[in-house]
């Protein structure tokens, strides 16, 4: 268990750093962070990581509403704890990248690619550790349980919905598309293949 916990939290940190790298590209952020990042742009006094925590807590509440008595209190507590750690890691990662801003479009695209790979590696580590599920995936799992639909398809639909929600927020409030751009699409296309490739080599 200690090694699995170490692997899990290493993966969590890797995902958070990947989110920060992708966000710093200024080509949009990953789908899982699109709404929190948009909220941090709308409310500059609130940090990106704090918005990540708030968004994940909202997902936990939605998961509880879907599952009701089928979800246990310790699972809610664990997910809330992980949400706080994840959001804090995002803020620390953004702080670590202060002053490191890619200038050219090619450099920004490279940052999106690197961030997507980091997220894929982090997700692979958390899956292999088999310790806990992050709130976003837990919410999709709850949807899958209630609707009897495929998790992979629902995950893709949720990515599209949250990206569109973030796009709408930025457009209506900021009159800008800073939160969701071509980098968001690139990140969504790159992350899953990285996870599948690593899972294949790990067999």
N, C-alpha and C. Protein backbone atom coordinates (compact mmCIF):
# COMPACT_ATOMS: atom_id res chain seq x y z
N UNK A 1 0.80 -1.22 0.00
CA UNK A 1 0.00 0.00 0.00
C UNK A 1 0.85 1.28 0.00
N UNK A 2 1.96 1.35 0.78
CA UNK A 2 2.76 2.58 0.71
C UNK A 2 3.26 2.90 -0.69
N UNK A 3 3.70 1.89 -1.42
CA UNK A 3 4.18 2.13 -2.78
C UNK A 3 3.04 2.55 -3.70
N UNK A 4 1.86 1.98 -3.48
CA UNK A 4 0.70 2.36 -4.29
C UNK A 4 0.27 3.79 -3.99
N UNK A 5 0.32 4.17 -2.73
CA UNK A 5 -0.01 5.55 -2.36
C UNK A 5 0.98 6.53 -2.97
N UNK A 6 2.26 6.15 -2.92
CA UNK A 6 3.29 7.00 -3.52
C UNK A 6 3.05 7.15 -5.02
N UNK A 7 2.71 6.06 -5.67
CA UNK A 7 2.43 6.10 -7.11
C UNK A 7 1.21 6.97 -7.40
N UNK A 8 0.17 6.84 -6.57
CA UNK A 8 -1.05 7.60 -6.79
C UNK A 8 -0.80 9.10 -6.67
N UNK A 9 -0.13 9.51 -5.59
CA UNK A 9 0.08 10.94 -5.39
C UNK A 9 1.10 11.51 -6.37
N UNK A 10 2.03 10.67 -6.83
CA UNK A 10 2.93 11.10 -7.90
C UNK A 10 2.14 11.35 -9.17
N UNK A 11 1.19 10.48 -9.44
CA UNK A 11 0.33 10.65 -10.60
C UNK A 11 -0.54 11.89 -10.47
N UNK A 12 -1.06 12.12 -9.27
CA UNK A 12 -1.89 13.30 -9.03
C UNK A 12 -1.10 14.58 -9.28
N UNK A 13 0.14 14.61 -8.77
CA UNK A 13 0.99 15.77 -8.98
C UNK A 13 1.34 15.95 -10.45
N UNK A 14 1.54 14.83 -11.15
CA UNK A 14 1.87 14.87 -12.57
C UNK A 14 0.69 15.44 -13.38
N UNK A 15 -0.52 15.04 -13.03
CA UNK A 15 -1.70 15.57 -13.71
C UNK A 15 -1.81 17.08 -13.46
N UNK A 16 -1.63 17.49 -12.21
CA UNK A 16 -1.73 18.91 -11.88
C UNK A 16 -0.69 19.73 -12.62
N UNK A 17 0.53 19.22 -12.71
CA UNK A 17 1.59 19.95 -13.41
C UNK A 17 1.29 19.98 -14.91
N UNK A 18 0.74 18.89 -15.44
CA UNK A 18 0.36 18.86 -16.84
C UNK A 18 -0.73 19.87 -17.16
N UNK A 19 -1.69 19.99 -16.25
CA UNK A 19 -2.76 20.99 -16.42
C UNK A 19 -2.16 22.40 -16.44
N UNK A 20 -1.21 22.66 -15.53
CA UNK A 20 -0.57 23.97 -15.47
C UNK A 20 0.22 24.27 -16.73
N UNK A 21 0.98 23.29 -17.23
CA UNK A 21 1.77 23.47 -18.44
C UNK A 21 0.85 23.77 -19.63
N UNK A 22 -0.22 23.01 -19.75
CA UNK A 22 -1.17 23.23 -20.85
C UNK A 22 -1.81 24.60 -20.75
N UNK A 23 -2.18 25.00 -19.54
CA UNK A 23 -2.82 26.30 -19.33
C UNK A 23 -1.88 27.44 -19.67
N UNK A 24 -0.60 27.30 -19.31
CA UNK A 24 0.38 28.35 -19.58
C UNK A 24 0.66 28.54 -21.07
N UNK A 25 0.21 27.61 -21.88
CA UNK A 25 0.40 27.75 -23.33
C UNK A 25 -0.44 28.88 -23.91
N UNK A 26 -1.49 29.25 -23.19
CA UNK A 26 -2.43 30.29 -23.63
C UNK A 26 -3.18 29.88 -24.91
N UNK A 27 -3.25 28.58 -25.13
CA UNK A 27 -4.04 28.06 -26.26
C UNK A 27 -5.27 27.32 -25.75
N UNK A 28 -5.66 27.63 -24.53
CA UNK A 28 -6.76 26.90 -23.91
C UNK A 28 -6.21 25.83 -22.99
N UNK A 29 -7.01 25.37 -22.07
CA UNK A 29 -6.55 24.34 -21.13
C UNK A 29 -7.26 23.03 -21.40
N UNK A 30 -6.99 22.03 -20.60
CA UNK A 30 -7.58 20.71 -20.80
C UNK A 30 -9.07 20.73 -20.45
N UNK A 31 -9.86 19.81 -21.01
CA UNK A 31 -11.30 19.79 -20.72
C UNK A 31 -11.61 19.71 -19.22
N UNK A 32 -10.84 18.93 -18.45
CA UNK A 32 -11.16 18.78 -17.03
C UNK A 32 -10.93 20.07 -16.24
N UNK A 33 -10.12 20.98 -16.80
CA UNK A 33 -9.83 22.24 -16.10
C UNK A 33 -10.44 23.45 -16.80
N UNK A 34 -11.22 23.21 -17.86
CA UNK A 34 -11.73 24.31 -18.67
C UNK A 34 -12.65 25.25 -17.87
N UNK A 35 -13.60 24.69 -17.15
CA UNK A 35 -14.52 25.53 -16.38
C UNK A 35 -13.80 26.22 -15.22
N UNK A 36 -12.98 25.51 -14.41
CA UNK A 36 -12.24 26.21 -13.36
C UNK A 36 -11.35 27.33 -13.88
N UNK A 37 -10.66 27.08 -14.99
CA UNK A 37 -9.78 28.12 -15.54
C UNK A 37 -10.60 29.32 -16.01
N UNK A 38 -11.73 29.06 -16.64
CA UNK A 38 -12.60 30.15 -17.08
C UNK A 38 -13.10 30.95 -15.89
N UNK A 39 -13.45 30.27 -14.80
CA UNK A 39 -13.91 30.97 -13.59
C UNK A 39 -12.79 31.81 -12.98
N UNK A 40 -11.56 31.31 -13.06
CA UNK A 40 -10.43 32.08 -12.51
C UNK A 40 -10.16 33.33 -13.35
N UNK A 41 -10.50 33.28 -14.65
CA UNK A 41 -10.37 34.46 -15.50
C UNK A 41 -11.48 35.46 -15.23
N UNK A 42 -12.67 34.94 -14.94
CA UNK A 42 -13.81 35.81 -14.65
C UNK A 42 -13.66 36.46 -13.28
N UNK A 43 -13.13 35.70 -12.32
CA UNK A 43 -12.91 36.20 -10.96
C UNK A 43 -11.41 36.14 -10.64
N UNK A 44 -10.64 37.13 -11.08
CA UNK A 44 -9.18 37.10 -10.93
C UNK A 44 -8.68 37.02 -9.49
N UNK A 45 -9.52 37.42 -8.53
CA UNK A 45 -9.10 37.37 -7.13
C UNK A 45 -9.08 35.94 -6.58
N UNK A 46 -9.71 35.02 -7.31
CA UNK A 46 -9.74 33.62 -6.90
C UNK A 46 -8.73 32.84 -7.73
N UNK A 47 -7.89 32.08 -7.08
CA UNK A 47 -6.83 31.37 -7.81
C UNK A 47 -7.40 30.24 -8.66
N UNK A 48 -6.64 29.85 -9.65
CA UNK A 48 -7.00 28.74 -10.52
C UNK A 48 -7.24 27.47 -9.70
N UNK A 49 -6.32 27.19 -8.77
CA UNK A 49 -6.45 25.99 -7.93
C UNK A 49 -7.70 26.01 -7.07
N UNK A 50 -8.05 27.17 -6.54
CA UNK A 50 -9.27 27.28 -5.73
C UNK A 50 -10.51 26.99 -6.58
N UNK A 51 -10.49 27.47 -7.82
CA UNK A 51 -11.60 27.19 -8.74
C UNK A 51 -11.66 25.70 -9.07
N UNK A 52 -10.49 25.06 -9.18
CA UNK A 52 -10.43 23.61 -9.41
C UNK A 52 -11.08 22.87 -8.24
N UNK A 53 -10.76 23.30 -7.03
CA UNK A 53 -11.35 22.68 -5.84
C UNK A 53 -12.87 22.85 -5.84
N UNK A 54 -13.33 24.07 -6.09
CA UNK A 54 -14.77 24.34 -6.10
C UNK A 54 -15.49 23.53 -7.16
N UNK A 55 -14.91 23.42 -8.34
CA UNK A 55 -15.53 22.64 -9.42
C UNK A 55 -15.62 21.17 -9.05
N UNK A 56 -14.55 20.63 -8.46
CA UNK A 56 -14.56 19.22 -8.07
C UNK A 56 -15.53 18.94 -6.94
N UNK A 57 -15.67 19.88 -6.01
CA UNK A 57 -16.66 19.71 -4.95
C UNK A 57 -18.07 19.71 -5.52
N UNK A 58 -18.30 20.52 -6.54
CA UNK A 58 -19.61 20.53 -7.21
C UNK A 58 -19.86 19.19 -7.90
N UNK A 59 -18.82 18.59 -8.47
CA UNK A 59 -18.96 17.28 -9.10
C UNK A 59 -19.28 16.20 -8.06
N UNK A 60 -18.67 16.32 -6.88
CA UNK A 60 -18.96 15.37 -5.80
C UNK A 60 -20.40 15.48 -5.37
N UNK A 61 -20.90 16.71 -5.27
CA UNK A 61 -22.31 16.92 -4.91
C UNK A 61 -23.24 16.33 -5.97
N UNK A 62 -22.87 16.49 -7.24
CA UNK A 62 -23.68 15.92 -8.32
C UNK A 62 -23.64 14.39 -8.29
N UNK A 63 -22.48 13.85 -7.96
CA UNK A 63 -22.34 12.39 -7.83
C UNK A 63 -23.23 11.87 -6.72
N UNK A 64 -23.25 12.58 -5.59
CA UNK A 64 -24.10 12.18 -4.46
C UNK A 64 -25.57 12.24 -4.86
N UNK A 65 -25.95 13.27 -5.62
CA UNK A 65 -27.34 13.41 -6.06
C UNK A 65 -27.74 12.25 -6.98
N UNK A 66 -26.79 11.75 -7.76
CA UNK A 66 -27.08 10.65 -8.67
C UNK A 66 -27.19 9.31 -7.94
N UNK A 67 -26.27 9.07 -6.99
CA UNK A 67 -26.18 7.76 -6.35
C UNK A 67 -26.96 7.65 -5.04
N UNK A 68 -27.15 8.79 -4.37
CA UNK A 68 -27.89 8.83 -3.09
C UNK A 68 -27.31 7.81 -2.10
N UNK A 69 -28.14 6.84 -1.71
CA UNK A 69 -27.74 5.90 -0.66
C UNK A 69 -26.65 4.93 -1.11
N UNK A 70 -26.39 4.88 -2.41
CA UNK A 70 -25.38 3.94 -2.91
C UNK A 70 -23.96 4.46 -2.72
N UNK A 71 -23.81 5.72 -2.37
CA UNK A 71 -22.47 6.27 -2.14
C UNK A 71 -22.24 6.40 -0.63
N UNK A 72 -21.06 6.04 -0.20
CA UNK A 72 -20.74 6.05 1.22
C UNK A 72 -20.04 7.35 1.61
N UNK A 73 -20.20 7.69 2.89
CA UNK A 73 -19.65 8.96 3.37
C UNK A 73 -18.14 9.01 3.21
N UNK A 74 -17.45 7.90 3.46
CA UNK A 74 -15.98 7.90 3.38
C UNK A 74 -15.53 8.17 1.94
N UNK A 75 -16.33 7.72 0.95
CA UNK A 75 -15.98 7.97 -0.44
C UNK A 75 -16.09 9.46 -0.77
N UNK A 76 -17.14 10.11 -0.25
CA UNK A 76 -17.31 11.55 -0.44
C UNK A 76 -16.17 12.31 0.23
N UNK A 77 -15.84 11.91 1.45
CA UNK A 77 -14.77 12.58 2.20
C UNK A 77 -13.43 12.43 1.47
N UNK A 78 -13.15 11.21 0.98
CA UNK A 78 -11.89 10.96 0.28
C UNK A 78 -11.79 11.79 -0.99
N UNK A 79 -12.87 11.85 -1.75
CA UNK A 79 -12.86 12.63 -2.98
C UNK A 79 -12.69 14.13 -2.70
N UNK A 80 -13.33 14.62 -1.63
CA UNK A 80 -13.18 16.03 -1.26
C UNK A 80 -11.74 16.32 -0.85
N UNK A 81 -11.14 15.38 -0.13
CA UNK A 81 -9.73 15.52 0.28
C UNK A 81 -8.83 15.57 -0.94
N UNK A 82 -9.07 14.67 -1.89
CA UNK A 82 -8.27 14.63 -3.11
C UNK A 82 -8.47 15.90 -3.95
N UNK A 83 -9.69 16.41 -3.95
CA UNK A 83 -9.98 17.65 -4.69
C UNK A 83 -9.15 18.81 -4.14
N UNK A 84 -9.05 18.87 -2.83
CA UNK A 84 -8.26 19.94 -2.19
C UNK A 84 -6.77 19.80 -2.51
N UNK A 85 -6.28 18.56 -2.48
CA UNK A 85 -4.87 18.32 -2.80
C UNK A 85 -4.60 18.65 -4.27
N UNK A 86 -5.49 18.22 -5.14
CA UNK A 86 -5.33 18.46 -6.56
C UNK A 86 -5.32 19.95 -6.88
N UNK A 87 -6.27 20.69 -6.32
CA UNK A 87 -6.32 22.12 -6.55
C UNK A 87 -5.08 22.83 -6.03
N UNK A 88 -4.60 22.40 -4.87
CA UNK A 88 -3.39 22.99 -4.30
C UNK A 88 -2.18 22.70 -5.18
N UNK A 89 -2.12 21.49 -5.74
CA UNK A 89 -1.02 21.13 -6.64
C UNK A 89 -1.06 21.95 -7.93
N UNK A 90 -2.26 22.26 -8.40
CA UNK A 90 -2.39 23.10 -9.59
C UNK A 90 -1.84 24.49 -9.31
N UNK A 91 -2.20 25.07 -8.16
CA UNK A 91 -1.68 26.39 -7.80
C UNK A 91 -0.16 26.38 -7.65
N UNK A 92 0.37 25.35 -7.00
CA UNK A 92 1.82 25.24 -6.83
C UNK A 92 2.52 25.10 -8.18
N UNK A 93 1.91 24.35 -9.08
CA UNK A 93 2.49 24.16 -10.41
C UNK A 93 2.48 25.46 -11.20
N UNK A 94 1.38 26.21 -11.11
CA UNK A 94 1.31 27.50 -11.79
C UNK A 94 2.36 28.46 -11.22
N UNK A 95 2.56 28.39 -9.91
CA UNK A 95 3.57 29.23 -9.27
C UNK A 95 4.97 28.85 -9.74
N UNK A 96 5.21 27.55 -9.86
CA UNK A 96 6.53 27.07 -10.30
C UNK A 96 6.84 27.49 -11.73
N UNK A 97 5.79 27.70 -12.52
CA UNK A 97 5.97 28.07 -13.93
C UNK A 97 5.92 29.58 -14.15
N UNK A 98 5.90 30.35 -13.08
CA UNK A 98 5.86 31.81 -13.20
C UNK A 98 7.06 32.31 -13.99
N UNK A 99 6.79 33.14 -14.98
CA UNK A 99 7.86 33.70 -15.81
C UNK A 99 8.26 32.83 -16.98
N UNK A 100 7.77 31.60 -17.01
CA UNK A 100 8.07 30.70 -18.13
C UNK A 100 6.90 30.69 -19.09
N UNK A 101 6.86 31.66 -19.96
CA UNK A 101 5.74 31.82 -20.89
C UNK A 101 6.22 31.63 -22.32
N UNK A 102 5.72 30.61 -23.01
CA UNK A 102 6.10 30.41 -24.41
C UNK A 102 5.62 31.58 -25.27
N UNK A 103 6.46 31.99 -26.21
CA UNK A 103 6.13 33.18 -27.01
C UNK A 103 5.58 32.81 -28.37
N UNK A 104 6.29 31.99 -29.11
CA UNK A 104 5.85 31.65 -30.47
C UNK A 104 4.70 30.65 -30.42
N UNK A 105 3.96 30.59 -31.51
CA UNK A 105 2.83 29.65 -31.58
C UNK A 105 3.33 28.21 -31.51
N UNK A 106 4.45 27.94 -32.17
CA UNK A 106 5.01 26.58 -32.15
C UNK A 106 5.37 26.16 -30.73
N UNK A 107 5.96 27.09 -29.96
CA UNK A 107 6.34 26.79 -28.58
C UNK A 107 5.09 26.54 -27.74
N UNK A 108 4.04 27.32 -27.98
CA UNK A 108 2.79 27.12 -27.24
C UNK A 108 2.17 25.77 -27.55
N UNK A 109 2.19 25.39 -28.82
CA UNK A 109 1.67 24.08 -29.21
C UNK A 109 2.48 22.96 -28.56
N UNK A 110 3.79 23.16 -28.47
CA UNK A 110 4.66 22.18 -27.82
C UNK A 110 4.31 22.05 -26.34
N UNK A 111 4.02 23.17 -25.70
CA UNK A 111 3.63 23.13 -24.28
C UNK A 111 2.33 22.35 -24.10
N UNK A 112 1.40 22.52 -25.01
CA UNK A 112 0.15 21.75 -24.94
C UNK A 112 0.45 20.26 -25.05
N UNK A 113 1.33 19.91 -26.00
CA UNK A 113 1.68 18.50 -26.20
C UNK A 113 2.37 17.92 -24.97
N UNK A 114 3.32 18.67 -24.41
CA UNK A 114 4.04 18.21 -23.20
C UNK A 114 3.06 18.08 -22.03
N UNK A 115 2.20 19.08 -21.86
CA UNK A 115 1.22 19.03 -20.77
C UNK A 115 0.28 17.85 -20.91
N UNK A 116 -0.12 17.55 -22.15
CA UNK A 116 -1.02 16.42 -22.39
C UNK A 116 -0.34 15.09 -22.07
N UNK A 117 0.93 14.98 -22.43
CA UNK A 117 1.68 13.77 -22.10
C UNK A 117 1.80 13.60 -20.59
N UNK A 118 2.08 14.70 -19.90
CA UNK A 118 2.18 14.65 -18.43
C UNK A 118 0.86 14.22 -17.80
N UNK A 119 -0.24 14.74 -18.32
CA UNK A 119 -1.55 14.34 -17.81
C UNK A 119 -1.80 12.86 -18.07
N UNK A 120 -1.42 12.40 -19.26
CA UNK A 120 -1.58 10.99 -19.58
C UNK A 120 -0.76 10.09 -18.67
N UNK A 121 0.48 10.49 -18.42
CA UNK A 121 1.35 9.72 -17.52
C UNK A 121 0.77 9.72 -16.10
N UNK A 122 0.31 10.89 -15.65
CA UNK A 122 -0.28 10.98 -14.31
C UNK A 122 -1.52 10.13 -14.18
N UNK A 123 -2.38 10.16 -15.20
CA UNK A 123 -3.59 9.34 -15.17
C UNK A 123 -3.25 7.86 -15.14
N UNK A 124 -2.23 7.46 -15.91
CA UNK A 124 -1.78 6.07 -15.92
C UNK A 124 -1.32 5.65 -14.53
N UNK A 125 -0.55 6.51 -13.85
CA UNK A 125 -0.05 6.18 -12.51
C UNK A 125 -1.18 6.03 -11.51
N UNK A 126 -2.18 6.91 -11.59
CA UNK A 126 -3.30 6.82 -10.64
C UNK A 126 -4.13 5.56 -10.91
N UNK A 127 -4.25 5.19 -12.19
CA UNK A 127 -4.99 3.97 -12.53
C UNK A 127 -4.25 2.74 -12.02
N UNK A 128 -2.94 2.70 -12.25
CA UNK A 128 -2.14 1.56 -11.82
C UNK A 128 -2.10 1.44 -10.30
N UNK A 129 -2.09 2.58 -9.62
CA UNK A 129 -2.05 2.55 -8.15
C UNK A 129 -3.32 1.94 -7.58
N UNK A 130 -4.45 2.18 -8.25
CA UNK A 130 -5.73 1.60 -7.83
C UNK A 130 -6.05 1.91 -6.36
N UNK A 131 -5.89 3.20 -6.02
CA UNK A 131 -6.15 3.63 -4.64
C UNK A 131 -7.47 4.36 -4.54
N UNK A 132 -7.70 5.31 -5.43
CA UNK A 132 -8.92 6.11 -5.40
C UNK A 132 -9.19 6.65 -6.79
N UNK A 133 -10.37 7.23 -6.95
CA UNK A 133 -10.78 7.84 -8.22
C UNK A 133 -10.98 9.32 -7.99
N UNK A 134 -10.47 10.14 -8.90
CA UNK A 134 -10.65 11.58 -8.78
C UNK A 134 -12.11 11.96 -9.05
N UNK A 135 -12.58 13.08 -8.49
CA UNK A 135 -14.00 13.45 -8.57
C UNK A 135 -14.56 13.47 -9.99
N UNK A 136 -13.80 13.96 -10.96
CA UNK A 136 -14.32 14.04 -12.33
C UNK A 136 -14.67 12.65 -12.86
N UNK A 137 -13.73 11.71 -12.71
CA UNK A 137 -13.99 10.34 -13.17
C UNK A 137 -15.04 9.65 -12.32
N UNK A 138 -15.07 9.97 -11.02
CA UNK A 138 -16.08 9.39 -10.14
C UNK A 138 -17.48 9.84 -10.57
N UNK A 139 -17.60 11.09 -10.98
CA UNK A 139 -18.89 11.60 -11.46
C UNK A 139 -19.31 10.87 -12.74
N UNK A 140 -18.36 10.67 -13.66
CA UNK A 140 -18.67 9.97 -14.90
C UNK A 140 -19.04 8.52 -14.61
N UNK A 141 -18.36 7.89 -13.65
CA UNK A 141 -18.70 6.53 -13.25
C UNK A 141 -20.12 6.47 -12.67
N UNK A 142 -20.49 7.49 -11.91
CA UNK A 142 -21.85 7.55 -11.36
C UNK A 142 -22.87 7.67 -12.48
N UNK A 143 -22.57 8.50 -13.47
CA UNK A 143 -23.46 8.62 -14.63
C UNK A 143 -23.60 7.28 -15.35
N UNK A 144 -22.47 6.59 -15.49
CA UNK A 144 -22.49 5.29 -16.16
C UNK A 144 -23.32 4.28 -15.38
N UNK A 145 -23.22 4.32 -14.06
CA UNK A 145 -23.98 3.38 -13.22
C UNK A 145 -25.48 3.64 -13.31
N UNK A 146 -25.85 4.92 -13.33
CA UNK A 146 -27.27 5.28 -13.36
C UNK A 146 -27.88 5.05 -14.73
N UNK A 147 -27.13 5.37 -15.78
CA UNK A 147 -27.66 5.29 -17.14
C UNK A 147 -27.36 3.97 -17.85
N UNK A 148 -26.48 3.17 -17.25
CA UNK A 148 -26.06 1.90 -17.87
C UNK A 148 -25.42 2.14 -19.23
N UNK A 149 -24.68 3.23 -19.35
CA UNK A 149 -23.98 3.56 -20.59
C UNK A 149 -22.49 3.31 -20.43
N UNK A 150 -21.78 3.27 -21.55
CA UNK A 150 -20.34 3.02 -21.56
C UNK A 150 -19.58 4.19 -20.95
N UNK A 151 -18.63 3.88 -20.05
CA UNK A 151 -17.86 4.93 -19.38
C UNK A 151 -17.06 5.77 -20.37
N UNK A 152 -16.39 5.11 -21.32
CA UNK A 152 -15.56 5.83 -22.27
C UNK A 152 -16.35 6.84 -23.08
N UNK A 153 -17.54 6.43 -23.53
CA UNK A 153 -18.37 7.33 -24.32
C UNK A 153 -18.88 8.49 -23.45
N UNK A 154 -19.30 8.17 -22.22
CA UNK A 154 -19.77 9.22 -21.33
C UNK A 154 -18.66 10.19 -20.96
N UNK A 155 -17.44 9.68 -20.80
CA UNK A 155 -16.31 10.56 -20.50
C UNK A 155 -16.08 11.54 -21.64
N UNK A 156 -16.18 11.05 -22.87
CA UNK A 156 -16.00 11.92 -24.02
C UNK A 156 -17.11 12.98 -24.08
N UNK A 157 -18.34 12.57 -23.80
CA UNK A 157 -19.46 13.51 -23.80
C UNK A 157 -19.28 14.57 -22.72
N UNK A 158 -18.85 14.15 -21.53
CA UNK A 158 -18.62 15.09 -20.44
C UNK A 158 -17.52 16.08 -20.79
N UNK A 159 -16.46 15.61 -21.43
CA UNK A 159 -15.38 16.51 -21.86
C UNK A 159 -15.91 17.58 -22.81
N UNK A 160 -16.77 17.15 -23.73
CA UNK A 160 -17.36 18.11 -24.69
C UNK A 160 -18.27 19.09 -23.97
N UNK A 161 -19.08 18.60 -23.04
CA UNK A 161 -20.04 19.46 -22.33
C UNK A 161 -19.32 20.51 -21.48
N UNK A 162 -18.30 20.09 -20.72
CA UNK A 162 -17.60 21.06 -19.87
C UNK A 162 -16.80 22.05 -20.71
N UNK A 163 -16.28 21.60 -21.84
CA UNK A 163 -15.55 22.51 -22.74
C UNK A 163 -16.50 23.55 -23.33
N UNK A 164 -17.68 23.10 -23.75
CA UNK A 164 -18.67 24.03 -24.28
C UNK A 164 -19.17 24.99 -23.20
N UNK A 165 -19.32 24.46 -21.97
CA UNK A 165 -19.73 25.32 -20.86
C UNK A 165 -18.71 26.40 -20.58
N UNK A 166 -17.44 26.03 -20.60
CA UNK A 166 -16.37 27.01 -20.39
C UNK A 166 -16.32 28.02 -21.53
N UNK A 167 -16.52 27.53 -22.75
CA UNK A 167 -16.54 28.40 -23.92
C UNK A 167 -17.65 29.43 -23.80
N UNK A 168 -18.82 28.98 -23.37
CA UNK A 168 -19.96 29.88 -23.20
C UNK A 168 -19.70 30.91 -22.11
N UNK A 169 -19.11 30.46 -21.01
CA UNK A 169 -18.79 31.38 -19.91
C UNK A 169 -17.86 32.50 -20.38
N UNK A 170 -16.77 32.11 -21.04
CA UNK A 170 -15.79 33.11 -21.49
C UNK A 170 -16.39 34.06 -22.52
N UNK A 171 -17.21 33.51 -23.40
CA UNK A 171 -17.79 34.33 -24.46
C UNK A 171 -18.80 35.34 -23.92
N UNK A 172 -19.64 34.86 -22.98
CA UNK A 172 -20.68 35.73 -22.43
C UNK A 172 -20.14 36.77 -21.46
N UNK A 173 -19.17 36.38 -20.63
CA UNK A 173 -18.69 37.27 -19.57
C UNK A 173 -17.47 38.07 -20.01
N UNK A 174 -16.52 37.41 -20.66
CA UNK A 174 -15.26 38.06 -21.02
C UNK A 174 -15.20 38.52 -22.47
N UNK A 175 -16.16 38.06 -23.26
CA UNK A 175 -16.13 38.33 -24.71
C UNK A 175 -14.80 37.86 -25.31
N UNK A 176 -14.34 36.72 -24.83
CA UNK A 176 -13.05 36.17 -25.25
C UNK A 176 -13.13 34.65 -25.15
N UNK A 177 -12.27 33.95 -25.85
CA UNK A 177 -12.26 32.49 -25.84
C UNK A 177 -10.98 31.96 -25.21
N UNK A 178 -10.48 32.66 -24.21
CA UNK A 178 -9.19 32.31 -23.61
C UNK A 178 -9.21 30.93 -22.95
N UNK A 179 -10.34 30.54 -22.36
CA UNK A 179 -10.39 29.29 -21.63
C UNK A 179 -10.40 28.05 -22.50
N UNK A 180 -11.03 28.16 -23.66
CA UNK A 180 -11.16 27.02 -24.56
C UNK A 180 -10.73 27.44 -25.95
N UNK A 181 -9.65 26.82 -26.42
CA UNK A 181 -9.16 27.11 -27.76
C UNK A 181 -8.70 25.82 -28.41
N UNK A 182 -7.89 25.94 -29.45
CA UNK A 182 -7.43 24.76 -30.15
C UNK A 182 -6.58 23.84 -29.27
N UNK A 183 -5.94 24.42 -28.24
CA UNK A 183 -5.16 23.60 -27.31
C UNK A 183 -6.02 22.64 -26.52
N UNK A 184 -7.26 23.04 -26.26
CA UNK A 184 -8.19 22.16 -25.55
C UNK A 184 -8.49 20.91 -26.37
N UNK A 185 -8.71 21.12 -27.66
CA UNK A 185 -8.97 19.99 -28.56
C UNK A 185 -7.74 19.10 -28.66
N UNK A 186 -6.57 19.72 -28.83
CA UNK A 186 -5.33 18.95 -28.94
C UNK A 186 -5.08 18.13 -27.68
N UNK A 187 -5.31 18.74 -26.52
CA UNK A 187 -5.09 18.03 -25.25
C UNK A 187 -6.02 16.83 -25.12
N UNK A 188 -7.28 17.01 -25.53
CA UNK A 188 -8.24 15.91 -25.43
C UNK A 188 -7.89 14.77 -26.38
N UNK A 189 -7.26 15.10 -27.52
CA UNK A 189 -6.89 14.08 -28.49
C UNK A 189 -5.62 13.33 -28.10
N UNK A 190 -4.72 13.99 -27.36
CA UNK A 190 -3.42 13.39 -27.04
C UNK A 190 -3.43 12.56 -25.76
N UNK A 191 -4.23 12.95 -24.79
CA UNK A 191 -4.16 12.32 -23.46
C UNK A 191 -4.51 10.84 -23.48
N UNK A 192 -5.64 10.50 -24.09
CA UNK A 192 -6.08 9.10 -24.09
C UNK A 192 -5.10 8.16 -24.77
N UNK A 193 -4.54 8.52 -25.95
CA UNK A 193 -3.54 7.63 -26.57
C UNK A 193 -2.32 7.39 -25.69
N UNK A 194 -1.90 8.41 -24.94
CA UNK A 194 -0.76 8.25 -24.04
C UNK A 194 -1.09 7.20 -22.96
N UNK A 195 -2.28 7.30 -22.40
CA UNK A 195 -2.70 6.35 -21.36
C UNK A 195 -2.75 4.94 -21.94
N UNK A 196 -3.36 4.79 -23.11
CA UNK A 196 -3.48 3.46 -23.74
C UNK A 196 -2.11 2.88 -24.05
N UNK A 197 -1.19 3.71 -24.54
CA UNK A 197 0.15 3.24 -24.85
C UNK A 197 0.89 2.75 -23.61
N UNK A 198 0.79 3.51 -22.54
CA UNK A 198 1.46 3.11 -21.29
C UNK A 198 0.83 1.85 -20.70
N UNK A 199 -0.48 1.73 -20.81
CA UNK A 199 -1.15 0.53 -20.31
C UNK A 199 -0.71 -0.70 -21.10
N UNK A 200 -0.49 -0.51 -22.40
CA UNK A 200 -0.04 -1.63 -23.23
C UNK A 200 1.35 -2.11 -22.83
N UNK A 201 2.26 -1.14 -22.56
CA UNK A 201 3.62 -1.51 -22.18
C UNK A 201 3.67 -2.08 -20.76
N UNK A 202 2.69 -1.73 -19.93
CA UNK A 202 2.69 -2.17 -18.53
C UNK A 202 2.17 -3.58 -18.36
N UNK A 203 1.60 -4.15 -19.38
CA UNK A 203 1.04 -5.50 -19.27
C UNK A 203 2.12 -6.56 -19.11
